[in-house]
């Protein structure tokens, strides 16, 4: 009986192991900021894409383009950003910058008459740097795109408190950006990048260990420790605590200065995990959507609960198409591998995150607590 070979990560263990993809970050920390933007840039000619949105509070841009009934077949970039719905303005600056370079869907008879197709999604990090108004502005998208454009192909991707993951938090622990890849036996690459800002907990309620840690590969680094003693107790207490949030206002201040009625739901949590899962196999838009849908299982292995009414969990599935069209059984393997790399990306984000303190609060990293650093912090 033959035994399937052990899974292997790509050379950079990141989304850029899918040939042609580039990733750029812009990070804003200080002066009230704790936020950022991440751009995933398509190879020349664009990429096929689909999307699967399961969170109850998504903030998205141009995701209708990715329906398999929509006419366009290829997109030119994906934007992940902080700033909630405000952050979606970063998509427009990415479009403008790409258009200036002649990248986009041709819509006119003359060169340069193009419309770049740039779907995006935002997570909630408003106020975490100390100022509610210190949030992504359109320029953030252009700066993240410039970072992607100037990076070498197949470059490693920065993880932790960068880009769209800068202001992320997950069950009172610091969240962030994580990425991982896998090379299948037939040479096809599957990879993911996640901005982890979940309402659910990433830890086992019995042990304090990271839920998805069992799926890590040797390329992901040393196995995370199983917390013991005071470290375990601190992790369980921190992740069990309800986050302190300001009362949610259902309405707005009226023109006469009267405050609109407030919701009785005074403890609404604002979160969202954003994911891009990619392959170099040639997939249709419908197959990209299925890739994204199966990849949602990767969230469920690493976070509990997921897809809540207080999350906007969104997964983009993309295909660069350079590795050929997969047979049905091979497509099956691509989708289940996509779920695995998503789980690993989430775990790697939490491992790479660093303890963060701002005027708005403190978010300890799981790694610091598990290794006995600030184990008693709140």
Protein backbone atom coordinates (compact mmCIF):
# COMPACT_ATOMS: atom_id res chain seq x y z
CA UNK A 1 0.00 0.00 0.00
CA UNK A 2 1.44 3.38 -0.99
CA UNK A 3 1.48 6.23 1.49
CA UNK A 4 0.82 9.76 0.33
CA UNK A 5 3.89 11.95 0.72
CA UNK A 6 3.92 14.43 3.58
CA UNK A 7 2.64 17.89 2.61
CA UNK A 8 5.36 20.34 1.66
CA UNK A 9 5.30 24.12 1.86
CA UNK A 10 6.51 26.25 -1.03
CA UNK A 11 9.94 27.92 -0.96
CA UNK A 12 8.67 31.08 0.77
CA UNK A 13 5.71 29.47 2.56
CA UNK A 14 3.58 32.41 1.52
CA UNK A 15 1.01 33.61 -0.99
CA UNK A 16 3.81 34.68 -3.32
CA UNK A 17 4.68 31.02 -3.92
CA UNK A 18 1.86 31.17 -6.47
CA UNK A 19 3.86 32.46 -9.46
CA UNK A 20 3.00 35.98 -10.53
CA UNK A 21 1.31 37.13 -7.32
CA UNK A 22 2.76 40.06 -5.41
CA UNK A 23 1.77 41.33 -1.97
CA UNK A 24 2.26 44.82 -0.58
CA UNK A 25 1.46 46.33 2.82
CA UNK A 26 1.02 49.83 4.15
CA UNK A 27 1.10 50.08 7.96
CA UNK A 28 0.07 53.06 10.09
CA UNK A 29 0.99 53.04 13.79
CA UNK A 30 1.05 56.02 16.15
CA UNK A 31 -0.69 59.42 16.32
CA UNK A 32 -3.95 57.60 16.94
CA UNK A 33 -3.43 55.08 14.13
CA UNK A 34 -3.35 51.30 14.43
CA UNK A 35 -4.46 50.14 11.00
CA UNK A 36 -3.28 49.45 7.48
CA UNK A 37 -3.94 48.07 4.02
CA UNK A 38 -2.73 45.05 2.06
CA UNK A 39 -2.84 44.66 -1.73
CA UNK A 40 -2.58 41.37 -3.64
CA UNK A 41 -1.53 42.24 -7.18
CA UNK A 42 -2.40 39.96 -10.10
CA UNK A 43 0.16 38.86 -12.68
CA UNK A 44 0.11 40.46 -16.12
CA UNK A 45 -3.21 39.67 -17.74
CA UNK A 46 -5.12 39.46 -14.47
CA UNK A 47 -6.49 36.48 -12.58
CA UNK A 48 -9.75 34.57 -12.22
CA UNK A 49 -11.48 35.04 -8.89
CA UNK A 50 -14.50 34.13 -6.79
CA UNK A 51 -15.66 35.05 -3.30
CA UNK A 52 -17.51 33.48 -0.39
CA UNK A 53 -18.94 35.82 2.28
CA UNK A 54 -20.35 34.21 5.43
CA UNK A 55 -19.98 36.82 8.14
CA UNK A 56 -23.06 38.76 9.17
CA UNK A 57 -21.40 42.17 8.93
CA UNK A 58 -19.25 42.37 5.79
CA UNK A 59 -17.74 45.52 4.29
CA UNK A 60 -16.90 44.77 0.66
CA UNK A 61 -16.16 46.43 -2.68
CA UNK A 62 -16.97 45.07 -6.16
CA UNK A 63 -17.61 41.52 -4.96
CA UNK A 64 -20.61 41.26 -7.32
CA UNK A 65 -18.06 41.15 -10.15
CA UNK A 66 -17.00 37.73 -8.89
CA UNK A 67 -20.39 36.07 -9.33
CA UNK A 68 -20.05 33.42 -12.03
CA UNK A 69 -22.95 35.08 -13.89
CA UNK A 70 -21.09 38.40 -14.13
CA UNK A 71 -19.52 39.19 -17.50
CA UNK A 72 -15.93 39.93 -16.49
CA UNK A 73 -13.59 36.98 -16.31
CA UNK A 74 -10.45 38.42 -14.70
CA UNK A 75 -9.56 40.95 -12.04
CA UNK A 76 -6.38 42.91 -11.46
CA UNK A 77 -5.92 43.14 -7.68
CA UNK A 78 -7.57 42.36 -4.34
CA UNK A 79 -7.50 44.82 -1.43
CA UNK A 80 -7.72 43.86 2.25
CA UNK A 81 -7.89 46.78 4.64
CA UNK A 82 -8.68 48.02 8.10
CA UNK A 83 -11.01 50.92 8.75
CA UNK A 84 -14.35 49.14 8.37
CA UNK A 85 -16.40 50.61 5.51
CA UNK A 86 -14.26 53.76 5.55
CA UNK A 87 -11.27 51.66 4.50
CA UNK A 88 -12.89 50.69 1.22
CA UNK A 89 -11.78 54.04 -0.19
CA UNK A 90 -8.35 52.42 -0.55
CA UNK A 91 -9.73 50.31 -3.43
CA UNK A 92 -10.31 53.46 -5.49
CA UNK A 93 -6.71 54.62 -5.16
CA UNK A 94 -5.49 51.18 -6.22
CA UNK A 95 -7.74 51.45 -9.28
CA UNK A 96 -6.40 54.90 -10.13
CA UNK A 97 -2.78 53.82 -9.79
CA UNK A 98 -3.32 50.73 -11.94
CA UNK A 99 -5.14 52.79 -14.55
CA UNK A 100 -2.20 55.20 -14.71
CA UNK A 101 -0.08 52.16 -15.63
CA UNK A 102 -2.54 51.00 -18.30
CA UNK A 103 -3.60 47.96 -16.26
CA UNK A 104 -7.28 47.12 -16.39
CA UNK A 105 -10.23 46.06 -18.51
CA UNK A 106 -10.07 47.82 -21.91
CA UNK A 107 -13.22 49.90 -22.35
CA UNK A 108 -12.25 52.37 -25.10
CA UNK A 109 -10.54 52.47 -28.48
CA UNK A 110 -7.42 54.24 -27.27
CA UNK A 111 -4.50 52.94 -25.21
CA UNK A 112 -4.91 53.51 -21.49
CA UNK A 113 -8.70 53.61 -21.63
CA UNK A 114 -9.10 50.89 -19.02
CA UNK A 115 -11.04 50.20 -15.83
CA UNK A 116 -9.04 48.17 -13.29
CA UNK A 117 -11.20 45.61 -11.50
CA UNK A 118 -10.28 45.62 -7.82
CA UNK A 119 -12.53 43.76 -5.36
CA UNK A 120 -11.81 44.36 -1.70
CA UNK A 121 -12.96 43.85 1.86
CA UNK A 122 -12.43 45.63 5.17
CA UNK A 123 -12.18 44.55 8.78
CA UNK A 124 -13.14 46.57 11.85
CA UNK A 125 -10.27 48.18 13.75
CA UNK A 126 -11.68 51.69 14.27
CA UNK A 127 -10.39 53.45 17.35
CA UNK A 128 -7.86 50.84 18.38
CA UNK A 129 -4.95 53.22 17.94
CA UNK A 130 -6.60 55.77 20.20
CA UNK A 131 -8.47 57.89 17.66
CA UNK A 132 -11.64 56.82 15.87
CA UNK A 133 -10.85 59.19 13.00
CA UNK A 134 -7.33 57.81 12.44
CA UNK A 135 -8.30 55.31 9.79
CA UNK A 136 -7.20 54.31 6.28
CA UNK A 137 -7.46 57.01 3.63
CA UNK A 138 -7.29 56.40 -0.14
CA UNK A 139 -3.52 56.95 -0.18
CA UNK A 140 -3.05 53.79 1.89
CA UNK A 141 -4.11 51.70 -1.11
CA UNK A 142 -1.65 53.43 -3.41
CA UNK A 143 1.18 52.96 -0.91
CA UNK A 144 0.40 49.26 -0.46
CA UNK A 145 0.23 48.83 -4.23
CA UNK A 146 3.60 50.56 -4.61
CA UNK A 147 5.03 48.13 -2.05
CA UNK A 148 3.68 45.24 -4.14
CA UNK A 149 4.94 46.70 -7.42
CA UNK A 150 8.45 47.20 -6.07
CA UNK A 151 8.72 43.79 -4.43
CA UNK A 152 10.44 40.98 -6.27
CA UNK A 153 8.33 38.13 -7.59
CA UNK A 154 8.22 35.22 -5.15
CA UNK A 155 9.31 37.47 -2.28
CA UNK A 156 8.45 36.47 1.26
CA UNK A 157 5.49 38.29 2.80
CA UNK A 158 5.72 40.18 6.09
CA UNK A 159 3.51 38.73 8.82
CA UNK A 160 2.14 39.89 12.14
CA UNK A 161 1.13 43.49 12.88
CA UNK A 162 1.39 44.79 9.33
CA UNK A 163 -0.97 45.92 6.57
CA UNK A 164 -4.60 45.00 7.04
CA UNK A 165 -3.69 43.08 10.21
CA UNK A 166 -2.11 46.02 12.02
CA UNK A 167 -5.12 46.78 14.21
CA UNK A 168 -6.55 43.27 14.30
CA UNK A 169 -7.51 41.57 17.55
CA UNK A 170 -8.91 38.12 18.15
CA UNK A 171 -10.71 37.30 21.37
CA UNK A 172 -8.66 39.95 23.23
CA UNK A 173 -5.40 38.59 21.82
CA UNK A 174 -3.44 40.47 19.16
CA UNK A 175 -4.33 39.38 15.66
CA UNK A 176 -2.50 40.13 12.44
CA UNK A 177 -1.47 38.94 9.00
CA UNK A 178 -0.41 35.35 8.35
CA UNK A 179 0.38 33.40 5.20
CA UNK A 180 1.24 29.83 4.20
CA UNK A 181 1.59 27.64 1.11
CA UNK A 182 1.57 24.02 0.01
CA UNK A 183 2.95 22.32 -3.10
CA UNK A 184 0.89 19.32 -4.18
CA UNK A 185 2.48 16.13 -5.56
CA UNK A 186 1.63 17.17 -9.14
CA UNK A 187 3.46 20.48 -8.67
CA UNK A 188 0.39 22.70 -8.27
CA UNK A 189 0.75 25.36 -5.57
CA UNK A 190 -1.99 26.38 -3.16
CA UNK A 191 -1.45 29.29 -0.77
CA UNK A 192 -3.33 31.67 1.50
CA UNK A 193 -3.04 34.97 3.29
CA UNK A 194 -5.28 35.87 6.23
CA UNK A 195 -5.95 39.05 8.20
CA UNK A 196 -7.17 37.63 11.52
CA UNK A 197 -9.58 39.84 13.47
CA UNK A 198 -12.13 37.30 14.70
CA UNK A 199 -14.84 37.55 17.32
CA UNK A 200 -14.30 33.86 18.07
CA UNK A 201 -11.50 32.38 20.12
CA UNK A 202 -8.38 30.85 18.54
CA UNK A 203 -7.58 28.67 21.57
CA UNK A 204 -8.65 25.34 22.97
CA UNK A 205 -10.74 26.14 26.05
CA UNK A 206 -9.19 23.21 27.92
CA UNK A 207 -5.50 23.82 27.28
CA UNK A 208 -5.02 27.33 25.92
CA UNK A 209 -3.25 25.87 22.85
CA UNK A 210 -3.98 27.29 19.40
CA UNK A 211 -6.83 25.36 17.80
CA UNK A 212 -5.24 24.99 14.36
CA UNK A 213 -1.73 24.25 15.56
CA UNK A 214 -1.93 20.56 14.70
CA UNK A 215 -1.99 21.39 10.98
CA UNK A 216 1.30 23.30 10.98
CA UNK A 217 4.14 21.94 8.83
CA UNK A 218 7.86 21.90 9.67
CA UNK A 219 8.29 24.92 7.39
CA UNK A 220 6.00 26.88 9.70
CA UNK A 221 8.65 26.81 12.42
CA UNK A 222 8.85 25.10 15.80
CA UNK A 223 5.61 23.67 17.12
CA UNK A 224 3.93 26.21 19.40
CA UNK A 225 4.18 25.30 23.08
CA UNK A 226 1.23 23.97 25.04
CA UNK A 227 0.79 26.62 27.74
CA UNK A 228 1.15 25.47 31.32
CA UNK A 229 0.66 26.96 34.76
CA UNK A 230 0.13 30.71 34.93
CA UNK A 231 0.55 31.08 31.15
CA UNK A 232 -2.32 28.69 30.48
CA UNK A 233 -4.48 30.41 33.09
CA UNK A 234 -3.76 33.84 31.64
CA UNK A 235 -4.65 32.76 28.09
CA UNK A 236 -7.91 31.18 29.19
CA UNK A 237 -8.88 34.21 31.26
CA UNK A 238 -8.02 36.73 28.54
CA UNK A 239 -9.87 34.89 25.78
CA UNK A 240 -12.91 34.26 27.98
CA UNK A 241 -13.28 37.93 28.87
CA UNK A 242 -15.85 39.95 26.95
CA UNK A 243 -14.10 42.78 25.10
CA UNK A 244 -14.79 46.24 26.45
CA UNK A 245 -16.52 48.23 23.71
CA UNK A 246 -18.40 51.48 23.59
CA UNK A 247 -22.19 51.31 23.36
CA UNK A 248 -23.38 50.78 19.82
CA UNK A 249 -25.47 53.64 18.45
CA UNK A 250 -28.17 52.43 16.10
CA UNK A 251 -28.80 55.92 14.71
CA UNK A 252 -26.94 59.21 14.31
CA UNK A 253 -27.13 62.69 15.74
CA UNK A 254 -30.04 64.55 14.14
CA UNK A 255 -29.86 67.97 12.52
CA UNK A 256 -31.33 69.49 15.71
CA UNK A 257 -28.51 68.04 17.80
CA UNK A 258 -30.64 65.33 19.42
CA UNK A 259 -29.02 61.95 19.84
CA UNK A 260 -30.77 59.19 17.95
CA UNK A 261 -32.02 56.21 19.94
CA UNK A 262 -29.31 53.82 21.03
CA UNK A 263 -29.48 50.10 20.54
CA UNK A 264 -29.95 48.01 23.64
CA UNK A 265 -27.20 45.76 22.27
CA UNK A 266 -24.45 47.62 24.14
CA UNK A 267 -21.82 44.93 23.77
CA UNK A 268 -21.69 44.41 20.01
CA UNK A 269 -18.27 43.14 18.99
CA UNK A 270 -16.75 44.44 15.77
CA UNK A 271 -14.57 41.93 13.99
CA UNK A 272 -13.95 40.10 10.66
CA UNK A 273 -11.36 37.72 9.26
CA UNK A 274 -10.33 38.36 5.65
CA UNK A 275 -8.67 35.67 3.53
CA UNK A 276 -7.22 35.24 0.06
CA UNK A 277 -6.65 31.64 -1.05
CA UNK A 278 -4.85 31.16 -4.36
CA UNK A 279 -3.58 28.54 -6.78
CA UNK A 280 -1.68 28.44 -10.04
CA UNK A 281 -4.07 25.78 -11.38
CA UNK A 282 -6.37 27.09 -14.13
CA UNK A 283 -9.78 27.47 -12.47
CA UNK A 284 -13.00 28.99 -13.72
CA UNK A 285 -14.77 31.73 -11.75
CA UNK A 286 -17.20 29.12 -10.44
CA UNK A 287 -14.32 26.91 -9.32
CA UNK A 288 -12.64 29.90 -7.65
CA UNK A 289 -15.86 30.46 -5.72
CA UNK A 290 -15.89 26.81 -4.65
CA UNK A 291 -12.23 27.10 -3.62
CA UNK A 292 -13.20 30.06 -1.41
CA UNK A 293 -16.21 28.21 0.01
CA UNK A 294 -14.26 25.09 1.01
CA UNK A 295 -11.50 27.32 2.41
CA UNK A 296 -14.02 28.65 4.94
CA UNK A 297 -13.51 25.29 6.68
CA UNK A 298 -9.99 26.50 7.41
CA UNK A 299 -11.44 29.32 9.50
CA UNK A 300 -13.63 26.90 11.43
CA UNK A 301 -10.62 24.74 12.36
CA UNK A 302 -8.71 27.68 13.78
CA UNK A 303 -11.42 29.92 15.28
CA UNK A 304 -14.52 29.18 17.35
CA UNK A 305 -17.10 30.44 16.56
CA UNK A 306 -16.82 31.79 13.01
CA UNK A 307 -19.26 33.44 10.59
CA UNK A 308 -21.08 35.19 13.43
CA UNK A 309 -23.38 38.19 13.09
CA UNK A 310 -20.54 40.33 14.47
CA UNK A 311 -17.96 39.17 11.89
CA UNK A 312 -17.74 39.97 8.20
CA UNK A 313 -15.75 36.84 7.33
CA UNK A 314 -14.87 36.99 3.63
CA UNK A 315 -12.71 34.62 1.55
CA UNK A 316 -11.49 35.40 -1.96
CA UNK A 317 -10.46 32.47 -4.17
CA UNK A 318 -8.06 33.33 -7.00
CA UNK A 319 -6.37 31.47 -9.84
CA UNK A 320 -3.43 32.60 -11.95
CA UNK A 321 -3.92 29.65 -14.31
CA UNK A 322 -0.29 28.91 -15.21
CA UNK A 323 -0.30 25.27 -14.06
CA UNK A 324 -2.98 23.92 -16.37
CA UNK A 325 -6.56 22.76 -15.94
CA UNK A 326 -7.04 20.23 -13.11
CA UNK A 327 -9.03 17.03 -13.44
CA UNK A 328 -12.02 16.76 -11.06
CA UNK A 329 -10.09 14.68 -8.51
CA UNK A 330 -7.21 17.15 -8.66
CA UNK A 331 -9.57 20.08 -8.14
CA UNK A 332 -10.90 18.26 -5.08
CA UNK A 333 -7.35 18.10 -3.69
CA UNK A 334 -6.80 21.79 -4.42
CA UNK A 335 -9.90 22.78 -2.45
CA UNK A 336 -9.12 20.69 0.62
CA UNK A 337 -5.52 21.90 0.56
CA UNK A 338 -6.90 25.44 0.40
CA UNK A 339 -8.67 24.89 3.71
CA UNK A 340 -5.44 23.59 5.24
CA UNK A 341 -3.33 26.57 4.16
CA UNK A 342 -6.00 28.93 5.50
CA UNK A 343 -5.83 27.30 8.93
CA UNK A 344 -2.04 27.50 8.90
CA UNK A 345 -2.18 31.15 7.83
CA UNK A 346 -4.44 32.00 10.75
CA UNK A 347 -2.19 30.22 13.24
CA UNK A 348 0.91 31.85 11.77
CA UNK A 349 -0.75 35.27 12.07
CA UNK A 350 -1.35 34.72 15.76
CA UNK A 351 2.19 33.42 16.29
CA UNK A 352 3.71 36.39 14.45
CA UNK A 353 1.62 39.04 16.22
CA UNK A 354 3.30 41.07 18.94
CA UNK A 355 1.82 42.52 22.12
CA UNK A 356 0.40 45.95 21.34
CA UNK A 357 -0.45 48.82 23.70
CA UNK A 358 -2.20 52.02 22.62
CA UNK A 359 -4.29 54.68 24.41
CA UNK A 360 -7.31 52.53 23.49
CA UNK A 361 -6.13 49.37 25.23
CA UNK A 362 -3.70 46.48 25.35
CA UNK A 363 -3.74 43.31 23.24
CA UNK A 364 -1.20 40.70 24.35
CA UNK A 365 0.11 38.22 21.80
CA UNK A 366 -0.53 34.53 22.31
CA UNK A 367 3.18 33.82 21.84
CA UNK A 368 4.24 36.25 24.56
CA UNK A 369 1.86 34.77 27.09
CA UNK A 370 2.56 31.13 26.18
CA UNK A 371 6.30 31.77 26.53
CA UNK A 372 5.92 33.43 29.91
CA UNK A 373 6.20 37.04 28.76
CA UNK A 374 3.57 39.27 30.39
CA UNK A 375 1.64 36.18 31.32
CA UNK A 376 -0.29 38.12 33.89
CA UNK A 377 -1.17 41.06 31.65
CA UNK A 378 -4.76 42.01 31.11
